[in-house]
Amino acid sequence: MKKESQYDLNLVKLGPKTVRFDYELGPDFFALFETPLVEQGQLHAEVDATRTERLLTLNFHITGTVGLACDRSLDEYDQPLDIEETLLVRFGDENKELDDNVLQITPDTQVLPLAQHLYDYIGLALPMKRLHPRFQNEPDEYPDAPTKHIFSTSRDQDDSDDDEPADPRWAALRNLN
């Protein structure tokens, strides 16, 4: 990703209150990334930043549409997105990512880049199976196919394990059933 200060959050100017930041995410935003999941889209991101002495809470609300290609027909279509995410940033000894939505930064950090987080949240909200809206209400191709039952075993009446002498420890466990 290229450096872009437009999507950086200045922590020095952020006081102990809730501040809202608005970002327009268009083609220029998606061009920042070398291997884009999305190449076109028009999104609006609202980031509410609440800073306390030890913690910075960032609430992301991203709405809009992205252009995707249908997996079945390769037709282009607009996929609507409505994303709500929270990122917790705590202050500690070193800069590191503690969890998917928890970062640790040093207290002297002046700028927090948000572009990668915005991009990741958009990427995670994309559907796994990208279908054009005209295909989404079609009936399933295999309606009789088992969807929940993957594997099962049946115990036959002439099971050969019963003929062998069982270890008494296993016999005690079988009696629990």
C-alpha atoms as a PDB file:
ATOM      1  CA  MET A   1       0.000   0.000   0.000  1.00  0.00           C
ATOM      2  CA  LYS A   2       1.227   3.481  -0.807  1.00  0.00           C
ATOM      3  CA  LYS A   3       1.408   6.134   1.880  1.00  0.00           C
ATOM      4  CA  GLU A   4      -1.569   8.493   1.936  1.00  0.00           C
ATOM      5  CA  SER A   5      -2.072  11.063   4.665  1.00  0.00           C
ATOM      6  CA  GLN A   6      -5.748  11.636   3.794  1.00  0.00           C
ATOM      7  CA  TYR A   7      -6.693   8.426   5.638  1.00  0.00           C
ATOM      8  CA  ASP A   8      -4.412   8.971   8.638  1.00  0.00           C
ATOM      9  CA  LEU A   9      -5.805   9.868  12.052  1.00  0.00           C
ATOM     10  CA  ASN A  10      -3.839  12.578  13.860  1.00  0.00           C
ATOM     11  CA  LEU A  11      -3.731  11.424  17.489  1.00  0.00           C
ATOM     12  CA  VAL A  12      -2.044  14.586  18.796  1.00  0.00           C
ATOM     13  CA  LYS A  13      -5.097  16.741  18.025  1.00  0.00           C
ATOM     14  CA  LEU A  14      -7.526  14.167  19.373  1.00  0.00           C
ATOM     15  CA  GLY A  15      -8.821  15.181  22.790  1.00  0.00           C
ATOM     16  CA  PRO A  16     -10.681  13.157  25.442  1.00  0.00           C
ATOM     17  CA  LYS A  17     -14.016  13.330  23.647  1.00  0.00           C
ATOM     18  CA  THR A  18     -15.800  11.674  20.735  1.00  0.00           C
ATOM     19  CA  VAL A  19     -14.893  13.083  17.336  1.00  0.00           C
ATOM     20  CA  ARG A  20     -16.385  12.022  13.994  1.00  0.00           C
ATOM     21  CA  PHE A  21     -14.280  11.737  10.840  1.00  0.00           C
ATOM     22  CA  ASP A  22     -15.830  11.316   7.388  1.00  0.00           C
ATOM     23  CA  TYR A  23     -14.047   9.647   4.486  1.00  0.00           C
ATOM     24  CA  GLU A  24     -15.150   9.204   0.886  1.00  0.00           C
ATOM     25  CA  LEU A  25     -13.837   5.923  -0.488  1.00  0.00           C
ATOM     26  CA  GLY A  26     -13.816   5.957  -4.264  1.00  0.00           C
ATOM     27  CA  PRO A  27     -11.528   4.839  -7.086  1.00  0.00           C
ATOM     28  CA  ASP A  28      -8.617   6.849  -5.642  1.00  0.00           C
ATOM     29  CA  PHE A  29      -8.875   4.918  -2.388  1.00  0.00           C
ATOM     30  CA  PHE A  30      -8.887   1.497  -4.080  1.00  0.00           C
ATOM     31  CA  ALA A  31      -5.942   2.530  -6.274  1.00  0.00           C
ATOM     32  CA  LEU A  32      -3.779   2.796  -3.130  1.00  0.00           C
ATOM     33  CA  PHE A  33      -3.581  -0.990  -2.849  1.00  0.00           C
ATOM     34  CA  GLU A  34      -1.388  -3.154  -5.067  1.00  0.00           C
ATOM     35  CA  THR A  35      -3.723  -6.150  -5.293  1.00  0.00           C
ATOM     36  CA  PRO A  36      -7.236  -4.792  -4.911  1.00  0.00           C
ATOM     37  CA  LEU A  37     -10.130  -7.045  -3.972  1.00  0.00           C
ATOM     38  CA  VAL A  38     -12.352  -4.283  -5.250  1.00  0.00           C
ATOM     39  CA  GLU A  39     -11.368  -2.034  -8.112  1.00  0.00           C
ATOM     40  CA  GLN A  40     -14.337   0.292  -8.125  1.00  0.00           C
ATOM     41  CA  GLY A  41     -16.871   1.490  -5.654  1.00  0.00           C
ATOM     42  CA  GLN A  42     -18.390   4.476  -3.979  1.00  0.00           C
ATOM     43  CA  LEU A  43     -18.463   4.237  -0.196  1.00  0.00           C
ATOM     44  CA  HIS A  44     -18.825   6.647   2.678  1.00  0.00           C
ATOM     45  CA  ALA A  45     -17.059   5.890   5.957  1.00  0.00           C
ATOM     46  CA  GLU A  46     -17.853   7.503   9.288  1.00  0.00           C
ATOM     47  CA  VAL A  47     -15.293   6.918  12.014  1.00  0.00           C
ATOM     48  CA  ASP A  48     -16.199   7.904  15.574  1.00  0.00           C
ATOM     49  CA  ALA A  49     -13.039   8.183  17.675  1.00  0.00           C
ATOM     50  CA  THR A  50     -13.309   8.216  21.466  1.00  0.00           C
ATOM     51  CA  ARG A  51     -10.055   8.681  23.336  1.00  0.00           C
ATOM     52  CA  THR A  52      -9.493   8.006  27.013  1.00  0.00           C
ATOM     53  CA  GLU A  53      -6.275   7.931  29.001  1.00  0.00           C
ATOM     54  CA  ARG A  54      -5.416   4.334  28.091  1.00  0.00           C
ATOM     55  CA  LEU A  55      -7.665   3.452  25.182  1.00  0.00           C
ATOM     56  CA  LEU A  56      -8.814   4.742  21.809  1.00  0.00           C
ATOM     57  CA  THR A  57     -12.076   3.310  20.483  1.00  0.00           C
ATOM     58  CA  LEU A  58     -12.779   3.658  16.772  1.00  0.00           C
ATOM     59  CA  ASN A  59     -16.290   2.824  15.574  1.00  0.00           C
ATOM     60  CA  PHE A  60     -16.469   2.395  11.807  1.00  0.00           C
ATOM     61  CA  HIS A  61     -19.698   2.701   9.815  1.00  0.00           C
ATOM     62  CA  ILE A  62     -19.145   2.146   6.095  1.00  0.00           C
ATOM     63  CA  THR A  63     -22.021   2.324   3.600  1.00  0.00           C
ATOM     64  CA  GLY A  64     -22.221   2.353  -0.178  1.00  0.00           C
ATOM     65  CA  THR A  65     -21.736   0.057  -3.131  1.00  0.00           C
ATOM     66  CA  VAL A  66     -18.789  -1.710  -4.733  1.00  0.00           C
ATOM     67  CA  GLY A  67     -18.550  -3.051  -8.269  1.00  0.00           C
ATOM     68  CA  LEU A  68     -18.107  -6.808  -8.460  1.00  0.00           C
ATOM     69  CA  ALA A  69     -18.104  -9.427 -11.211  1.00  0.00           C
ATOM     70  CA  CYS A  70     -20.624 -12.250 -10.969  1.00  0.00           C
ATOM     71  CA  ASP A  71     -19.009 -15.669 -10.430  1.00  0.00           C
ATOM     72  CA  ARG A  72     -21.575 -17.333 -12.687  1.00  0.00           C
ATOM     73  CA  SER A  73     -21.987 -14.949 -15.640  1.00  0.00           C
ATOM     74  CA  LEU A  74     -19.026 -12.540 -15.200  1.00  0.00           C
ATOM     75  CA  ASP A  75     -21.478  -9.643 -15.503  1.00  0.00           C
ATOM     76  CA  GLU A  76     -20.628  -6.520 -13.532  1.00  0.00           C
ATOM     77  CA  TYR A  77     -23.031  -5.514 -10.761  1.00  0.00           C
ATOM     78  CA  ASP A  78     -23.141  -3.199  -7.754  1.00  0.00           C
ATOM     79  CA  GLN A  79     -23.013  -4.912  -4.355  1.00  0.00           C
ATOM     80  CA  PRO A  80     -24.452  -2.810  -1.527  1.00  0.00           C
ATOM     81  CA  LEU A  81     -22.473  -2.803   1.722  1.00  0.00           C
ATOM     82  CA  ASP A  82     -23.376  -1.680   5.227  1.00  0.00           C
ATOM     83  CA  ILE A  83     -20.516  -2.352   7.641  1.00  0.00           C
ATOM     84  CA  GLU A  84     -20.295  -1.754  11.401  1.00  0.00           C
ATOM     85  CA  GLU A  85     -16.920  -2.507  13.027  1.00  0.00           C
ATOM     86  CA  THR A  86     -15.032  -1.462  16.140  1.00  0.00           C
ATOM     87  CA  LEU A  87     -11.267  -1.142  16.486  1.00  0.00           C
ATOM     88  CA  LEU A  88      -9.728  -0.818  19.946  1.00  0.00           C
ATOM     89  CA  VAL A  89      -6.333   0.855  20.186  1.00  0.00           C
ATOM     90  CA  ARG A  90      -4.602   0.643  23.524  1.00  0.00           C
ATOM     91  CA  PHE A  91      -1.433   2.347  24.578  1.00  0.00           C
ATOM     92  CA  GLY A  92       1.505   0.132  25.569  1.00  0.00           C
ATOM     93  CA  ASP A  93       5.257  -0.426  25.338  1.00  0.00           C
ATOM     94  CA  GLU A  94       5.455  -1.357  21.649  1.00  0.00           C
ATOM     95  CA  ASN A  95       3.483  -1.244  18.406  1.00  0.00           C
ATOM     96  CA  LYS A  96       1.823  -4.566  17.662  1.00  0.00           C
ATOM     97  CA  GLU A  97      -1.466  -6.133  16.645  1.00  0.00           C
ATOM     98  CA  LEU A  98      -2.948  -8.044  19.559  1.00  0.00           C
ATOM     99  CA  ASP A  99      -6.080  -9.324  17.835  1.00  0.00           C
ATOM    100  CA  ASP A 100      -8.075  -8.704  14.667  1.00  0.00           C
ATOM    101  CA  ASN A 101      -9.733  -5.658  16.207  1.00  0.00           C
ATOM    102  CA  VAL A 102      -7.220  -4.746  18.935  1.00  0.00           C
ATOM    103  CA  LEU A 103      -4.014  -2.792  18.342  1.00  0.00           C
ATOM    104  CA  GLN A 104      -1.348  -1.644  20.737  1.00  0.00           C
ATOM    105  CA  ILE A 105       0.627   1.517  20.035  1.00  0.00           C
ATOM    106  CA  THR A 106       3.152   3.512  22.012  1.00  0.00           C
ATOM    107  CA  PRO A 107       1.916   6.678  23.765  1.00  0.00           C
ATOM    108  CA  ASP A 108       4.193   8.852  21.614  1.00  0.00           C
ATOM    109  CA  THR A 109       2.582   7.669  18.335  1.00  0.00           C
ATOM    110  CA  GLN A 110       1.326  10.733  16.509  1.00  0.00           C
ATOM    111  CA  VAL A 111      -0.491   9.278  13.497  1.00  0.00           C
ATOM    112  CA  LEU A 112      -2.633   6.171  13.139  1.00  0.00           C
ATOM    113  CA  PRO A 113      -3.122   5.050   9.504  1.00  0.00           C
ATOM    114  CA  LEU A 114      -6.716   3.930   8.874  1.00  0.00           C
ATOM    115  CA  ALA A 115      -6.625   3.094   5.145  1.00  0.00           C
ATOM    116  CA  GLN A 116      -5.656  -0.555   5.627  1.00  0.00           C
ATOM    117  CA  HIS A 117      -8.339  -1.059   8.288  1.00  0.00           C
ATOM    118  CA  LEU A 118     -11.002   0.488   6.057  1.00  0.00           C
ATOM    119  CA  TYR A 119      -9.901  -1.706   3.168  1.00  0.00           C
ATOM    120  CA  ASP A 120      -9.870  -4.863   5.304  1.00  0.00           C
ATOM    121  CA  TYR A 121     -13.372  -4.214   6.634  1.00  0.00           C
ATOM    122  CA  ILE A 122     -14.645  -3.766   3.078  1.00  0.00           C
ATOM    123  CA  GLY A 123     -12.907  -6.953   1.963  1.00  0.00           C
ATOM    124  CA  LEU A 124     -14.383  -8.956   4.834  1.00  0.00           C
ATOM    125  CA  ALA A 125     -17.890  -7.727   4.038  1.00  0.00           C
ATOM    126  CA  LEU A 126     -17.784  -8.975   0.450  1.00  0.00           C
ATOM    127  CA  PRO A 127     -19.854 -12.099  -0.184  1.00  0.00           C
ATOM    128  CA  MET A 128     -17.974 -15.377  -0.689  1.00  0.00           C
ATOM    129  CA  LYS A 129     -20.186 -16.308  -3.622  1.00  0.00           C
ATOM    130  CA  ARG A 130     -20.638 -13.257  -5.814  1.00  0.00           C
ATOM    131  CA  LEU A 131     -23.910 -13.600  -7.682  1.00  0.00           C
ATOM    132  CA  HIS A 132     -25.603 -11.008  -9.842  1.00  0.00           C
ATOM    133  CA  PRO A 133     -28.983 -10.024  -8.303  1.00  0.00           C
ATOM    134  CA  ARG A 134     -30.854 -11.814 -11.107  1.00  0.00           C
ATOM    135  CA  PHE A 135     -29.350 -15.138  -9.937  1.00  0.00           C
ATOM    136  CA  GLN A 136     -29.792 -14.672  -6.187  1.00  0.00           C
ATOM    137  CA  ASN A 137     -33.462 -15.732  -6.061  1.00  0.00           C
ATOM    138  CA  GLU A 138     -33.089 -18.805  -8.243  1.00  0.00           C
ATOM    139  CA  PRO A 139     -33.829 -22.198  -6.667  1.00  0.00           C
ATOM    140  CA  ASP A 140     -30.894 -24.322  -5.649  1.00  0.00           C
ATOM    141  CA  GLU A 141     -29.487 -26.552  -8.410  1.00  0.00           C
ATOM    142  CA  TYR A 142     -29.458 -29.597  -6.129  1.00  0.00           C
ATOM    143  CA  PRO A 143     -32.415 -29.267  -3.752  1.00  0.00           C
ATOM    144  CA  ASP A 144     -32.198 -32.930  -2.612  1.00  0.00           C
ATOM    145  CA  ALA A 145     -28.505 -32.774  -1.816  1.00  0.00           C
ATOM    146  CA  PRO A 146     -27.708 -33.201   1.867  1.00  0.00           C
ATOM    147  CA  THR A 147     -26.578 -29.887   3.203  1.00  0.00           C
ATOM    148  CA  LYS A 148     -26.179 -30.501   6.903  1.00  0.00           C
ATOM    149  CA  HIS A 149     -25.338 -34.177   7.222  1.00  0.00           C
ATOM    150  CA  ILE A 150     -21.752 -34.751   6.111  1.00  0.00           C
ATOM    151  CA  PHE A 151     -20.768 -38.184   7.458  1.00  0.00           C
ATOM    152  CA  SER A 152     -22.279 -40.886   9.586  1.00  0.00           C
ATOM    153  CA  THR A 153     -21.524 -44.427  10.582  1.00  0.00           C
ATOM    154  CA  SER A 154     -23.938 -47.177  11.393  1.00  0.00           C
ATOM    155  CA  ARG A 155     -23.306 -49.975  13.776  1.00  0.00           C
ATOM    156  CA  ASP A 156     -24.123 -53.362  12.238  1.00  0.00           C
ATOM    157  CA  GLN A 157     -25.629 -56.132  14.330  1.00  0.00           C
ATOM    158  CA  ASP A 158     -22.841 -58.600  13.503  1.00  0.00           C
ATOM    159  CA  ASP A 159     -20.043 -56.309  14.610  1.00  0.00           C
ATOM    160  CA  SER A 160     -16.852 -58.311  14.960  1.00  0.00           C
ATOM    161  CA  ASP A 161     -15.588 -56.199  17.882  1.00  0.00           C
ATOM    162  CA  ASP A 162     -18.163 -57.753  20.217  1.00  0.00           C
ATOM    163  CA  ASP A 163     -16.711 -61.253  19.760  1.00  0.00           C
ATOM    164  CA  GLU A 164     -13.267 -60.290  21.016  1.00  0.00           C
ATOM    165  CA  PRO A 165     -12.647 -60.135  24.750  1.00  0.00           C
ATOM    166  CA  ALA A 166     -12.803 -56.525  25.775  1.00  0.00           C
ATOM    167  CA  ASP A 167     -10.387 -54.740  28.007  1.00  0.00           C
ATOM    168  CA  PRO A 168     -12.262 -54.224  31.309  1.00  0.00           C
ATOM    169  CA  ARG A 169     -11.524 -50.506  31.175  1.00  0.00           C
ATOM    170  CA  TRP A 170     -13.300 -50.195  27.815  1.00  0.00           C
ATOM    171  CA  ALA A 171     -16.183 -52.364  29.020  1.00  0.00           C
ATOM    172  CA  ALA A 172     -16.772 -49.933  31.877  1.00  0.00           C
ATOM    173  CA  LEU A 173     -16.902 -47.067  29.411  1.00  0.00           C
ATOM    174  CA  ARG A 174     -19.377 -48.915  27.171  1.00  0.00           C
ATOM    175  CA  ASN A 175     -21.692 -49.364  30.139  1.00  0.00           C
ATOM    176  CA  LEU A 176     -21.945 -45.588  30.475  1.00  0.00           C
ATOM    177  CA  ASN A 177     -23.913 -45.438  27.212  1.00  0.00           C
END
